[in-house]
Amino acid sequence: MKLSFSFSKRPRFISLLLGLVIFVTACQSGQYEETFDKAGDWGTGRTADVVGEVDNGVYEMLVKSNSELYLATAGESFGDGVYEVEATQITGPLNNGYGFLFNVDEETDSFYVFEISGDGWIWIGRCAELCDSEQVALVGGDWFRSPAINQGLQATNVLRAVVDGNLMTFYVNGVEVGRTSDDRLTEGDIAVMVETLGESGVRVIFDNFRFTPQ
């Protein structure tokens, strides 16, 4: 499964590109927690444009191309519940995007996106056909600023989405940053993601990806 697409920012436009996505198949129900103490079911890979690997208890992704997004799926399937992950940008420009996807549907290449940038912006939305045919901001109309984000390098942010039926509430570091109602996607895989927005070298580590069912 290959999913890669580029994001531009303020305003946001998405075009489909070829690239790498690390994907494995598995299934999981109930409580889920990935501490990345070992590779487990998350895949790893290297190309000229991206590196994704599990090392020293984290999932690390480095995007070396200028304007692309790469994601790594877990091969899981979840629905209503609480999704949470810790993310820390290590290197690269702060004008970027990183976070997680949920309710990833392979058949339609659709998913919900919850991402922040190193310079304090947030985008929350839904994509279909890898964001090629449909990309809808569900909170704020586009990227929006939030003081809840710990900006800069080496700053850890905890991203959490609470999904209850068609209601979704989003938090950064325990602070609510948006809520919306959408029922297009009801279950699916999870993924971590990193994107570059004109400058290469964005390296982000992820840890403690949790799902707790409602």
N, C-alpha and C. Protein backbone atom coordinates (compact mmCIF):
# COMPACT_ATOMS: atom_id res chain seq x y z
N MET A 1 0.85 -1.19 0.00
CA MET A 1 0.00 0.00 0.00
C MET A 1 0.88 1.23 0.00
N LYS A 2 0.73 2.10 -0.99
CA LYS A 2 1.54 3.31 -1.07
C LYS A 2 0.64 4.54 -0.97
N LEU A 3 0.90 5.35 0.02
CA LEU A 3 0.17 6.59 0.20
C LEU A 3 1.18 7.70 0.44
N SER A 4 1.21 8.68 -0.44
CA SER A 4 2.07 9.82 -0.19
C SER A 4 1.49 11.01 -0.90
N PHE A 5 1.44 12.13 -0.23
CA PHE A 5 0.86 13.31 -0.85
C PHE A 5 1.48 14.54 -0.23
N SER A 6 1.47 15.63 -0.98
CA SER A 6 2.13 16.84 -0.50
C SER A 6 1.08 17.83 -0.02
N PHE A 7 1.45 18.61 0.98
CA PHE A 7 0.58 19.63 1.53
C PHE A 7 1.25 20.98 1.31
N SER A 8 0.52 21.94 0.83
CA SER A 8 0.99 23.31 0.95
C SER A 8 0.17 23.96 2.05
N LYS A 9 0.54 25.13 2.48
CA LYS A 9 -0.02 25.67 3.70
C LYS A 9 -0.36 27.14 3.53
N ARG A 10 -1.49 27.55 4.09
CA ARG A 10 -1.95 28.95 4.15
C ARG A 10 -1.99 29.59 2.76
N PRO A 11 -2.89 29.27 1.83
CA PRO A 11 -3.94 28.25 1.92
C PRO A 11 -3.41 26.84 1.66
N ARG A 12 -4.26 25.89 1.93
CA ARG A 12 -3.85 24.49 1.85
C ARG A 12 -4.33 23.88 0.54
N PHE A 13 -3.42 23.22 -0.15
CA PHE A 13 -3.74 22.52 -1.40
C PHE A 13 -3.00 21.21 -1.39
N ILE A 14 -3.61 20.18 -1.88
CA ILE A 14 -3.01 18.85 -1.82
C ILE A 14 -2.94 18.24 -3.21
N SER A 15 -1.80 17.67 -3.55
CA SER A 15 -1.66 16.94 -4.80
C SER A 15 -1.08 15.57 -4.51
N LEU A 16 -1.48 14.59 -5.27
CA LEU A 16 -1.05 13.22 -5.04
C LEU A 16 0.33 13.01 -5.64
N LEU A 17 1.22 12.36 -4.89
CA LEU A 17 2.56 12.02 -5.34
C LEU A 17 2.80 10.55 -5.08
N LEU A 18 3.81 10.00 -5.72
CA LEU A 18 4.25 8.65 -5.41
C LEU A 18 5.24 8.70 -4.27
N GLY A 19 5.29 7.64 -3.48
CA GLY A 19 6.24 7.63 -2.38
C GLY A 19 6.12 6.36 -1.57
N LEU A 20 6.62 6.42 -0.35
CA LEU A 20 6.67 5.26 0.52
C LEU A 20 5.69 5.40 1.64
N VAL A 21 4.97 4.35 1.90
CA VAL A 21 4.25 4.23 3.16
C VAL A 21 4.55 2.87 3.73
N ILE A 22 4.82 2.83 4.99
CA ILE A 22 5.17 1.59 5.66
C ILE A 22 3.87 1.00 6.17
N PHE A 23 3.56 -0.22 5.73
CA PHE A 23 2.25 -0.79 6.05
C PHE A 23 2.37 -2.26 6.36
N VAL A 24 1.67 -2.70 7.39
CA VAL A 24 1.58 -4.12 7.72
C VAL A 24 0.13 -4.45 8.02
N THR A 25 -0.21 -5.71 7.96
CA THR A 25 -1.58 -6.11 8.26
C THR A 25 -1.63 -6.83 9.58
N ALA A 26 -2.62 -6.45 10.35
CA ALA A 26 -2.86 -7.08 11.65
C ALA A 26 -4.25 -6.68 12.07
N CYS A 27 -4.71 -7.19 13.19
CA CYS A 27 -5.99 -6.76 13.71
C CYS A 27 -5.90 -6.71 15.22
N GLN A 28 -6.67 -5.80 15.77
CA GLN A 28 -6.61 -5.61 17.22
C GLN A 28 -7.97 -5.09 17.67
N SER A 29 -8.44 -5.57 18.81
CA SER A 29 -9.67 -5.05 19.38
C SER A 29 -9.42 -4.71 20.82
N GLY A 30 -10.25 -3.82 21.39
CA GLY A 30 -10.09 -3.43 22.77
C GLY A 30 -8.96 -2.45 22.97
N GLN A 31 -8.40 -2.45 24.18
CA GLN A 31 -7.32 -1.54 24.54
C GLN A 31 -6.08 -1.81 23.69
N TYR A 32 -5.41 -0.72 23.27
CA TYR A 32 -4.20 -0.84 22.46
C TYR A 32 -3.18 0.15 22.97
N GLU A 33 -1.93 -0.29 23.09
CA GLU A 33 -0.85 0.62 23.45
C GLU A 33 0.42 0.18 22.76
N GLU A 34 1.04 1.10 22.03
CA GLU A 34 2.30 0.83 21.36
C GLU A 34 3.37 1.73 21.96
N THR A 35 4.34 1.13 22.64
CA THR A 35 5.42 1.90 23.27
C THR A 35 6.68 1.91 22.41
N PHE A 36 6.67 1.16 21.31
CA PHE A 36 7.80 1.11 20.38
C PHE A 36 9.09 0.63 21.06
N ASP A 37 8.96 -0.21 22.06
CA ASP A 37 10.13 -0.82 22.66
C ASP A 37 10.73 -1.87 21.73
N LYS A 38 9.93 -2.34 20.78
CA LYS A 38 10.42 -3.21 19.72
C LYS A 38 9.61 -2.91 18.47
N ALA A 39 10.08 -3.39 17.35
CA ALA A 39 9.44 -3.06 16.08
C ALA A 39 7.98 -3.47 16.03
N GLY A 40 7.67 -4.66 16.58
CA GLY A 40 6.27 -5.09 16.61
C GLY A 40 5.65 -5.12 15.23
N ASP A 41 4.41 -4.67 15.14
CA ASP A 41 3.67 -4.71 13.88
C ASP A 41 3.88 -3.47 13.01
N TRP A 42 4.51 -2.46 13.54
CA TRP A 42 4.77 -1.27 12.73
C TRP A 42 5.95 -1.55 11.80
N GLY A 43 5.75 -1.27 10.52
CA GLY A 43 6.81 -1.52 9.56
C GLY A 43 7.89 -0.46 9.61
N THR A 44 9.02 -0.76 8.99
CA THR A 44 10.11 0.18 8.86
C THR A 44 10.61 0.17 7.42
N GLY A 45 11.26 1.24 7.01
CA GLY A 45 11.77 1.29 5.65
C GLY A 45 12.63 2.52 5.40
N ARG A 46 13.39 2.47 4.31
CA ARG A 46 14.27 3.57 3.93
C ARG A 46 14.22 3.76 2.42
N THR A 47 14.10 5.01 2.00
CA THR A 47 14.27 5.37 0.59
C THR A 47 15.12 6.64 0.57
N ALA A 48 15.33 7.17 -0.62
CA ALA A 48 16.07 8.42 -0.74
C ALA A 48 15.31 9.58 -0.13
N ASP A 49 13.99 9.43 0.02
CA ASP A 49 13.15 10.54 0.48
C ASP A 49 12.70 10.44 1.92
N VAL A 50 12.68 9.23 2.49
CA VAL A 50 12.11 9.07 3.83
C VAL A 50 12.75 7.88 4.54
N VAL A 51 12.86 8.01 5.85
CA VAL A 51 13.30 6.92 6.70
C VAL A 51 12.27 6.75 7.81
N GLY A 52 11.83 5.53 8.02
CA GLY A 52 10.93 5.23 9.13
C GLY A 52 11.46 4.02 9.88
N GLU A 53 11.74 4.17 11.17
CA GLU A 53 12.31 3.06 11.92
C GLU A 53 11.96 3.14 13.39
N VAL A 54 11.96 1.98 14.04
CA VAL A 54 11.77 1.89 15.48
C VAL A 54 13.14 1.75 16.11
N ASP A 55 13.48 2.68 17.01
CA ASP A 55 14.81 2.67 17.61
C ASP A 55 14.76 3.36 18.97
N ASN A 56 15.40 2.76 19.96
CA ASN A 56 15.49 3.36 21.29
C ASN A 56 14.12 3.72 21.88
N GLY A 57 13.14 2.86 21.65
CA GLY A 57 11.84 3.03 22.27
C GLY A 57 10.94 4.07 21.65
N VAL A 58 11.22 4.48 20.40
CA VAL A 58 10.35 5.44 19.70
C VAL A 58 10.23 5.03 18.24
N TYR A 59 9.19 5.56 17.58
CA TYR A 59 9.11 5.45 16.12
C TYR A 59 9.62 6.77 15.56
N GLU A 60 10.67 6.70 14.76
CA GLU A 60 11.30 7.90 14.22
C GLU A 60 11.07 7.98 12.72
N MET A 61 10.62 9.14 12.25
CA MET A 61 10.43 9.35 10.83
C MET A 61 11.16 10.61 10.39
N LEU A 62 11.97 10.47 9.35
CA LEU A 62 12.70 11.59 8.76
C LEU A 62 12.27 11.74 7.31
N VAL A 63 11.75 12.92 6.96
CA VAL A 63 11.36 13.20 5.57
C VAL A 63 12.44 14.08 4.97
N LYS A 64 13.11 13.55 3.91
CA LYS A 64 14.24 14.24 3.31
C LYS A 64 13.89 14.97 2.03
N SER A 65 12.66 14.81 1.55
CA SER A 65 12.20 15.55 0.38
C SER A 65 11.56 16.86 0.82
N ASN A 66 11.39 17.79 -0.12
CA ASN A 66 11.00 19.15 0.23
C ASN A 66 9.51 19.34 0.51
N SER A 67 8.65 18.67 -0.21
CA SER A 67 7.21 18.95 -0.10
C SER A 67 6.41 17.67 -0.24
N GLU A 68 6.53 16.81 0.76
CA GLU A 68 5.79 15.55 0.73
C GLU A 68 5.35 15.17 2.13
N LEU A 69 4.34 14.32 2.18
CA LEU A 69 3.87 13.76 3.43
C LEU A 69 4.02 12.25 3.37
N TYR A 70 4.55 11.67 4.43
CA TYR A 70 4.67 10.23 4.53
C TYR A 70 3.99 9.76 5.80
N LEU A 71 3.39 8.58 5.73
CA LEU A 71 2.70 8.05 6.90
C LEU A 71 3.00 6.57 7.03
N ALA A 72 2.94 6.10 8.27
CA ALA A 72 3.13 4.68 8.55
C ALA A 72 1.92 4.18 9.31
N THR A 73 1.22 3.20 8.74
CA THR A 73 0.04 2.64 9.38
C THR A 73 0.41 1.46 10.26
N ALA A 74 -0.48 1.16 11.19
CA ALA A 74 -0.22 0.11 12.17
C ALA A 74 -0.82 -1.23 11.80
N GLY A 75 -1.73 -1.26 10.81
CA GLY A 75 -2.41 -2.50 10.48
C GLY A 75 -3.44 -2.89 11.51
N GLU A 76 -4.07 -1.90 12.14
CA GLU A 76 -5.07 -2.14 13.18
C GLU A 76 -6.45 -1.71 12.67
N SER A 77 -7.47 -1.90 13.50
CA SER A 77 -8.80 -1.43 13.17
C SER A 77 -9.52 -1.03 14.45
N PHE A 78 -9.89 0.24 14.54
CA PHE A 78 -10.55 0.78 15.72
C PHE A 78 -11.73 1.63 15.30
N GLY A 79 -12.56 1.97 16.29
CA GLY A 79 -13.71 2.83 16.05
C GLY A 79 -13.79 3.90 17.12
N ASP A 80 -14.95 3.99 17.79
CA ASP A 80 -15.13 4.99 18.83
C ASP A 80 -14.16 4.76 19.99
N GLY A 81 -13.62 5.85 20.51
CA GLY A 81 -12.71 5.75 21.63
C GLY A 81 -11.78 6.94 21.69
N VAL A 82 -10.72 6.79 22.48
CA VAL A 82 -9.74 7.86 22.70
C VAL A 82 -8.43 7.45 22.04
N TYR A 83 -7.95 8.30 21.13
CA TYR A 83 -6.68 8.09 20.44
C TYR A 83 -5.67 9.10 21.00
N GLU A 84 -4.46 8.65 21.27
CA GLU A 84 -3.47 9.56 21.84
C GLU A 84 -2.07 9.13 21.44
N VAL A 85 -1.22 10.13 21.14
CA VAL A 85 0.17 9.85 20.82
C VAL A 85 1.04 11.02 21.27
N GLU A 86 2.29 10.73 21.62
CA GLU A 86 3.27 11.76 21.95
C GLU A 86 4.16 11.97 20.74
N ALA A 87 4.39 13.23 20.37
CA ALA A 87 5.19 13.54 19.20
C ALA A 87 6.19 14.65 19.53
N THR A 88 7.43 14.48 19.07
CA THR A 88 8.49 15.45 19.33
C THR A 88 9.28 15.69 18.06
N GLN A 89 9.34 16.95 17.60
CA GLN A 89 10.18 17.26 16.46
C GLN A 89 11.62 17.39 16.92
N ILE A 90 12.52 16.69 16.22
CA ILE A 90 13.92 16.66 16.61
C ILE A 90 14.77 17.61 15.77
N THR A 91 14.58 17.59 14.46
CA THR A 91 15.34 18.46 13.57
C THR A 91 14.43 19.01 12.48
N GLY A 92 14.94 19.99 11.75
CA GLY A 92 14.25 20.49 10.57
C GLY A 92 13.53 21.80 10.78
N PRO A 93 13.00 22.38 9.69
CA PRO A 93 12.25 23.63 9.77
C PRO A 93 10.96 23.45 10.55
N LEU A 94 10.51 24.52 11.21
CA LEU A 94 9.30 24.45 12.03
C LEU A 94 8.03 24.59 11.21
N ASN A 95 8.14 25.05 9.98
CA ASN A 95 6.99 25.14 9.08
C ASN A 95 6.77 23.76 8.48
N ASN A 96 5.98 22.94 9.17
CA ASN A 96 5.83 21.55 8.79
C ASN A 96 4.47 21.04 9.24
N GLY A 97 4.30 19.76 9.26
CA GLY A 97 3.11 19.14 9.83
C GLY A 97 3.46 17.76 10.36
N TYR A 98 2.95 17.43 11.53
CA TYR A 98 3.15 16.08 12.05
C TYR A 98 2.03 15.76 13.03
N GLY A 99 1.70 14.47 13.12
CA GLY A 99 0.62 14.07 13.99
C GLY A 99 0.17 12.66 13.67
N PHE A 100 -1.15 12.44 13.69
CA PHE A 100 -1.65 11.09 13.43
C PHE A 100 -2.93 11.11 12.63
N LEU A 101 -3.23 9.98 12.03
CA LEU A 101 -4.47 9.73 11.30
C LEU A 101 -5.25 8.65 12.02
N PHE A 102 -6.57 8.66 11.86
CA PHE A 102 -7.39 7.58 12.40
C PHE A 102 -8.55 7.31 11.48
N ASN A 103 -9.18 6.17 11.69
CA ASN A 103 -10.26 5.69 10.80
C ASN A 103 -9.79 5.65 9.34
N VAL A 104 -8.56 5.16 9.15
CA VAL A 104 -8.02 5.02 7.80
C VAL A 104 -8.73 3.88 7.10
N ASP A 105 -9.37 4.18 5.97
CA ASP A 105 -10.13 3.20 5.19
C ASP A 105 -9.34 2.91 3.91
N GLU A 106 -8.80 1.69 3.81
CA GLU A 106 -7.98 1.32 2.64
C GLU A 106 -8.78 1.31 1.35
N GLU A 107 -10.04 0.91 1.42
CA GLU A 107 -10.81 0.77 0.19
C GLU A 107 -11.04 2.10 -0.50
N THR A 108 -11.28 3.15 0.29
CA THR A 108 -11.53 4.47 -0.30
C THR A 108 -10.36 5.42 -0.11
N ASP A 109 -9.28 4.95 0.56
CA ASP A 109 -8.13 5.80 0.85
C ASP A 109 -8.57 7.08 1.56
N SER A 110 -9.43 6.90 2.57
CA SER A 110 -9.98 8.02 3.33
C SER A 110 -9.52 7.92 4.78
N PHE A 111 -9.49 9.07 5.47
CA PHE A 111 -9.07 9.09 6.87
C PHE A 111 -9.31 10.46 7.47
N TYR A 112 -9.25 10.52 8.81
CA TYR A 112 -9.25 11.79 9.52
C TYR A 112 -7.80 12.16 9.86
N VAL A 113 -7.51 13.45 9.81
CA VAL A 113 -6.17 13.97 10.04
C VAL A 113 -6.18 14.89 11.26
N PHE A 114 -5.21 14.69 12.17
CA PHE A 114 -5.00 15.60 13.29
C PHE A 114 -3.50 15.89 13.32
N GLU A 115 -3.13 17.08 12.88
CA GLU A 115 -1.71 17.42 12.80
C GLU A 115 -1.44 18.82 13.32
N ILE A 116 -0.20 18.99 13.81
CA ILE A 116 0.26 20.30 14.26
C ILE A 116 1.53 20.63 13.51
N SER A 117 2.01 21.86 13.68
CA SER A 117 3.29 22.26 13.11
C SER A 117 4.21 22.71 14.22
N GLY A 118 5.51 22.70 13.93
CA GLY A 118 6.49 23.11 14.91
C GLY A 118 6.42 24.57 15.27
N ASP A 119 5.73 25.36 14.43
CA ASP A 119 5.59 26.79 14.71
C ASP A 119 4.19 27.17 15.20
N GLY A 120 3.42 26.17 15.68
CA GLY A 120 2.22 26.49 16.43
C GLY A 120 0.90 26.49 15.69
N TRP A 121 0.80 25.76 14.58
CA TRP A 121 -0.44 25.68 13.83
C TRP A 121 -1.06 24.29 13.94
N ILE A 122 -2.36 24.21 13.66
CA ILE A 122 -3.11 22.95 13.72
C ILE A 122 -3.96 22.81 12.46
N TRP A 123 -4.06 21.58 11.96
CA TRP A 123 -5.03 21.27 10.91
C TRP A 123 -5.76 20.00 11.30
N ILE A 124 -7.09 20.07 11.27
CA ILE A 124 -7.95 18.93 11.59
C ILE A 124 -8.93 18.76 10.43
N GLY A 125 -8.96 17.58 9.83
CA GLY A 125 -9.85 17.43 8.70
C GLY A 125 -10.04 15.99 8.26
N ARG A 126 -10.70 15.86 7.11
CA ARG A 126 -11.00 14.56 6.53
C ARG A 126 -10.55 14.55 5.08
N CYS A 127 -9.97 13.43 4.66
CA CYS A 127 -9.54 13.27 3.27
C CYS A 127 -10.17 12.04 2.65
N ALA A 128 -10.41 12.09 1.37
CA ALA A 128 -10.84 10.93 0.59
C ALA A 128 -9.91 10.79 -0.60
N GLU A 129 -9.73 9.54 -1.05
CA GLU A 129 -8.85 9.24 -2.17
C GLU A 129 -7.49 9.92 -1.99
N LEU A 130 -6.92 9.70 -0.81
CA LEU A 130 -5.59 10.23 -0.47
C LEU A 130 -5.55 11.75 -0.55
N CYS A 131 -6.67 12.38 -0.29
CA CYS A 131 -6.79 13.85 -0.34
C CYS A 131 -6.73 14.39 -1.76
N ASP A 132 -6.76 13.51 -2.75
CA ASP A 132 -6.71 13.95 -4.14
C ASP A 132 -8.06 14.47 -4.60
N SER A 133 -9.14 13.79 -4.22
CA SER A 133 -10.47 14.21 -4.67
C SER A 133 -11.21 15.02 -3.62
N GLU A 134 -10.83 14.82 -2.33
CA GLU A 134 -11.55 15.52 -1.27
C GLU A 134 -10.62 15.77 -0.10
N GLN A 135 -10.61 17.00 0.38
CA GLN A 135 -9.84 17.39 1.54
C GLN A 135 -10.63 18.51 2.22
N VAL A 136 -11.16 18.21 3.40
CA VAL A 136 -12.08 19.11 4.08
C VAL A 136 -11.57 19.43 5.47
N ALA A 137 -11.36 20.70 5.77
CA ALA A 137 -11.03 21.11 7.13
C ALA A 137 -12.30 21.06 7.97
N LEU A 138 -12.26 20.34 9.07
CA LEU A 138 -13.44 20.17 9.91
C LEU A 138 -13.46 21.12 11.10
N VAL A 139 -12.34 21.77 11.38
CA VAL A 139 -12.25 22.73 12.48
C VAL A 139 -11.52 23.97 11.98
N GLY A 140 -12.08 25.13 12.17
CA GLY A 140 -11.39 26.37 11.87
C GLY A 140 -11.33 26.77 10.42
N GLY A 141 -11.79 25.93 9.51
CA GLY A 141 -11.81 26.29 8.10
C GLY A 141 -10.50 26.07 7.38
N ASP A 142 -9.39 25.95 8.09
CA ASP A 142 -8.07 25.74 7.50
C ASP A 142 -7.08 25.55 8.65
N TRP A 143 -5.79 25.78 8.42
CA TRP A 143 -4.82 25.82 9.51
C TRP A 143 -5.17 26.95 10.46
N PHE A 144 -5.03 26.73 11.76
CA PHE A 144 -5.27 27.79 12.73
C PHE A 144 -4.23 27.70 13.84
N ARG A 145 -3.90 28.82 14.44
CA ARG A 145 -2.89 28.87 15.49
C ARG A 145 -3.49 28.42 16.83
N SER A 146 -2.61 27.90 17.70
CA SER A 146 -3.04 27.54 19.05
C SER A 146 -1.87 27.68 20.02
N PRO A 147 -2.11 28.37 21.15
CA PRO A 147 -1.07 28.49 22.17
C PRO A 147 -0.85 27.19 22.94
N ALA A 148 -1.69 26.20 22.72
CA ALA A 148 -1.55 24.92 23.42
C ALA A 148 -0.33 24.15 22.94
N ILE A 149 0.17 24.46 21.75
CA ILE A 149 1.29 23.71 21.17
C ILE A 149 2.61 24.15 21.80
N ASN A 150 3.42 23.19 22.20
CA ASN A 150 4.80 23.46 22.61
C ASN A 150 5.64 23.57 21.35
N GLN A 151 6.05 24.79 21.01
CA GLN A 151 6.72 25.04 19.75
C GLN A 151 8.21 24.76 19.82
N GLY A 152 8.79 24.53 18.66
CA GLY A 152 10.23 24.41 18.54
C GLY A 152 10.73 22.98 18.57
N LEU A 153 12.05 22.85 18.44
CA LEU A 153 12.69 21.54 18.45
C LEU A 153 12.78 21.00 19.87
N GLN A 154 12.77 19.68 19.97
CA GLN A 154 12.87 18.97 21.24
C GLN A 154 11.65 19.19 22.15
N ALA A 155 10.59 19.77 21.62
CA ALA A 155 9.38 20.03 22.40
C ALA A 155 8.36 18.91 22.15
N THR A 156 7.97 18.23 23.20
CA THR A 156 7.00 17.13 23.08
C THR A 156 5.58 17.66 23.18
N ASN A 157 4.72 17.17 22.30
CA ASN A 157 3.30 17.49 22.33
C ASN A 157 2.49 16.20 22.39
N VAL A 158 1.46 16.20 23.21
CA VAL A 158 0.56 15.05 23.31
C VAL A 158 -0.73 15.39 22.56
N LEU A 159 -1.00 14.64 21.50
CA LEU A 159 -2.19 14.84 20.69
C LEU A 159 -3.22 13.78 21.05
N ARG A 160 -4.45 14.23 21.28
CA ARG A 160 -5.50 13.29 21.68
C ARG A 160 -6.79 13.63 20.94
N ALA A 161 -7.46 12.60 20.44
CA ALA A 161 -8.77 12.75 19.81
C ALA A 161 -9.75 11.83 20.52
N VAL A 162 -10.88 12.37 20.93
CA VAL A 162 -11.93 11.60 21.57
C VAL A 162 -13.09 11.47 20.58
N VAL A 163 -13.39 10.25 20.18
CA VAL A 163 -14.39 9.98 19.16
C VAL A 163 -15.56 9.24 19.80
N ASP A 164 -16.74 9.85 19.70
CA ASP A 164 -17.96 9.27 20.28
C ASP A 164 -19.07 9.40 19.25
N GLY A 165 -19.25 8.34 18.46
CA GLY A 165 -20.21 8.43 17.36
C GLY A 165 -19.72 9.44 16.34
N ASN A 166 -20.58 10.39 15.99
CA ASN A 166 -20.16 11.40 15.02
C ASN A 166 -19.50 12.61 15.67
N LEU A 167 -19.37 12.60 16.99
CA LEU A 167 -18.73 13.70 17.71
C LEU A 167 -17.24 13.43 17.89
N MET A 168 -16.40 14.42 17.57
CA MET A 168 -14.97 14.30 17.74
C MET A 168 -14.44 15.54 18.44
N THR A 169 -13.64 15.34 19.49
CA THR A 169 -13.05 16.43 20.24
C THR A 169 -11.54 16.24 20.25
N PHE A 170 -10.79 17.32 20.04
CA PHE A 170 -9.35 17.24 19.86
C PHE A 170 -8.64 18.06 20.93
N TYR A 171 -7.53 17.49 21.41
CA TYR A 171 -6.75 18.13 22.48
C TYR A 171 -5.27 18.12 22.13
N VAL A 172 -4.59 19.19 22.53
CA VAL A 172 -3.13 19.24 22.49
C VAL A 172 -2.65 19.55 23.90
N ASN A 173 -1.85 18.65 24.45
CA ASN A 173 -1.32 18.82 25.80
C ASN A 173 -2.41 19.07 26.84
N GLY A 174 -3.54 18.36 26.66
CA GLY A 174 -4.65 18.44 27.60
C GLY A 174 -5.58 19.61 27.40
N VAL A 175 -5.30 20.46 26.42
CA VAL A 175 -6.13 21.63 26.15
C VAL A 175 -7.00 21.36 24.92
N GLU A 176 -8.30 21.55 25.06
CA GLU A 176 -9.17 21.35 23.90
C GLU A 176 -8.87 22.40 22.84
N VAL A 177 -8.65 21.94 21.60
CA VAL A 177 -8.34 22.85 20.50
C VAL A 177 -9.41 22.82 19.41
N GLY A 178 -10.40 21.96 19.54
CA GLY A 178 -11.46 21.95 18.55
C GLY A 178 -12.37 20.76 18.72
N ARG A 179 -13.59 20.93 18.23
CA ARG A 179 -14.54 19.82 18.21
C ARG A 179 -15.37 19.94 16.95
N THR A 180 -15.85 18.80 16.48
CA THR A 180 -16.61 18.79 15.24
C THR A 180 -17.52 17.57 15.23
N SER A 181 -18.41 17.54 14.26
CA SER A 181 -19.31 16.42 14.05
C SER A 181 -19.17 15.94 12.62
N ASP A 182 -18.88 14.64 12.45
CA ASP A 182 -18.72 14.07 11.12
C ASP A 182 -18.93 12.56 11.22
N ASP A 183 -19.69 12.00 10.28
CA ASP A 183 -19.98 10.57 10.36
C ASP A 183 -19.60 9.81 9.10
N ARG A 184 -18.70 10.39 8.31
CA ARG A 184 -18.33 9.74 7.06
C ARG A 184 -17.50 8.48 7.29
N LEU A 185 -16.66 8.47 8.31
CA LEU A 185 -15.78 7.34 8.59
C LEU A 185 -16.04 6.87 10.02
N THR A 186 -16.28 5.59 10.20
CA THR A 186 -16.66 5.10 11.53
C THR A 186 -15.62 4.17 12.16
N GLU A 187 -14.71 3.63 11.37
CA GLU A 187 -13.66 2.78 11.91
C GLU A 187 -12.54 2.65 10.89
N GLY A 188 -11.40 2.16 11.36
CA GLY A 188 -10.28 1.97 10.44
C GLY A 188 -8.95 1.97 11.16
N ASP A 189 -7.89 2.03 10.39
CA ASP A 189 -6.53 1.94 10.89
C ASP A 189 -6.08 3.26 11.51
N ILE A 190 -4.90 3.22 12.14
CA ILE A 190 -4.26 4.42 12.67
C ILE A 190 -2.92 4.58 11.96
N ALA A 191 -2.36 5.79 12.02
CA ALA A 191 -1.08 6.05 11.38
C ALA A 191 -0.39 7.24 12.03
N VAL A 192 0.93 7.26 11.99
CA VAL A 192 1.70 8.46 12.30
C VAL A 192 2.09 9.10 10.97
N MET A 193 2.29 10.42 10.98
CA MET A 193 2.58 11.11 9.74
C MET A 193 3.50 12.30 9.98
N VAL A 194 4.31 12.59 8.95
CA VAL A 194 5.20 13.76 8.93
C VAL A 194 5.16 14.35 7.53
N GLU A 195 5.08 15.66 7.42
CA GLU A 195 5.11 16.31 6.12
C GLU A 195 6.07 17.49 6.11
N THR A 196 6.64 17.72 4.94
CA THR A 196 7.47 18.90 4.73
C THR A 196 6.71 19.87 3.84
N LEU A 197 6.98 21.16 4.02
CA LEU A 197 6.23 22.20 3.32
C LEU A 197 7.19 23.16 2.63
N GLY A 198 8.07 22.58 1.80
CA GLY A 198 9.00 23.39 1.03
C GLY A 198 10.44 23.27 1.46
N GLU A 199 10.67 22.76 2.68
CA GLU A 199 12.02 22.55 3.17
C GLU A 199 12.15 21.14 3.72
N SER A 200 13.27 20.51 3.43
CA SER A 200 13.46 19.12 3.81
C SER A 200 14.06 19.00 5.21
N GLY A 201 14.18 17.75 5.67
CA GLY A 201 14.90 17.46 6.89
C GLY A 201 14.08 17.45 8.16
N VAL A 202 12.77 17.26 8.05
CA VAL A 202 11.93 17.21 9.24
C VAL A 202 11.99 15.81 9.85
N ARG A 203 12.47 15.76 11.07
CA ARG A 203 12.58 14.50 11.80
C ARG A 203 11.71 14.58 13.05
N VAL A 204 10.81 13.60 13.20
CA VAL A 204 9.88 13.57 14.33
C VAL A 204 9.92 12.18 14.94
N ILE A 205 9.88 12.12 16.27
CA ILE A 205 9.75 10.84 16.94
C ILE A 205 8.37 10.75 17.60
N PHE A 206 7.83 9.52 17.60
CA PHE A 206 6.52 9.25 18.17
C PHE A 206 6.66 8.18 19.25
N ASP A 207 5.86 8.31 20.30
CA ASP A 207 5.90 7.33 21.37
C ASP A 207 4.52 7.20 22.00
N ASN A 208 4.30 6.04 22.62
CA ASN A 208 3.09 5.79 23.42
C ASN A 208 1.80 6.10 22.66
N PHE A 209 1.62 5.42 21.54
CA PHE A 209 0.37 5.54 20.79
C PHE A 209 -0.66 4.64 21.47
N ARG A 210 -1.73 5.24 21.96
CA ARG A 210 -2.74 4.50 22.73
C ARG A 210 -4.13 4.65 22.09
N PHE A 211 -4.90 3.60 22.23
CA PHE A 211 -6.32 3.66 21.90
C PHE A 211 -7.09 3.00 23.04
N THR A 212 -8.10 3.71 23.54
CA THR A 212 -8.98 3.17 24.57
C THR A 212 -10.40 3.22 24.06
N PRO A 213 -11.06 2.08 23.92
CA PRO A 213 -12.43 2.09 23.37
C PRO A 213 -13.41 2.77 24.32
N GLN A 214 -14.48 3.31 23.74
CA GLN A 214 -15.53 3.94 24.53
C GLN A 214 -16.37 2.86 25.21
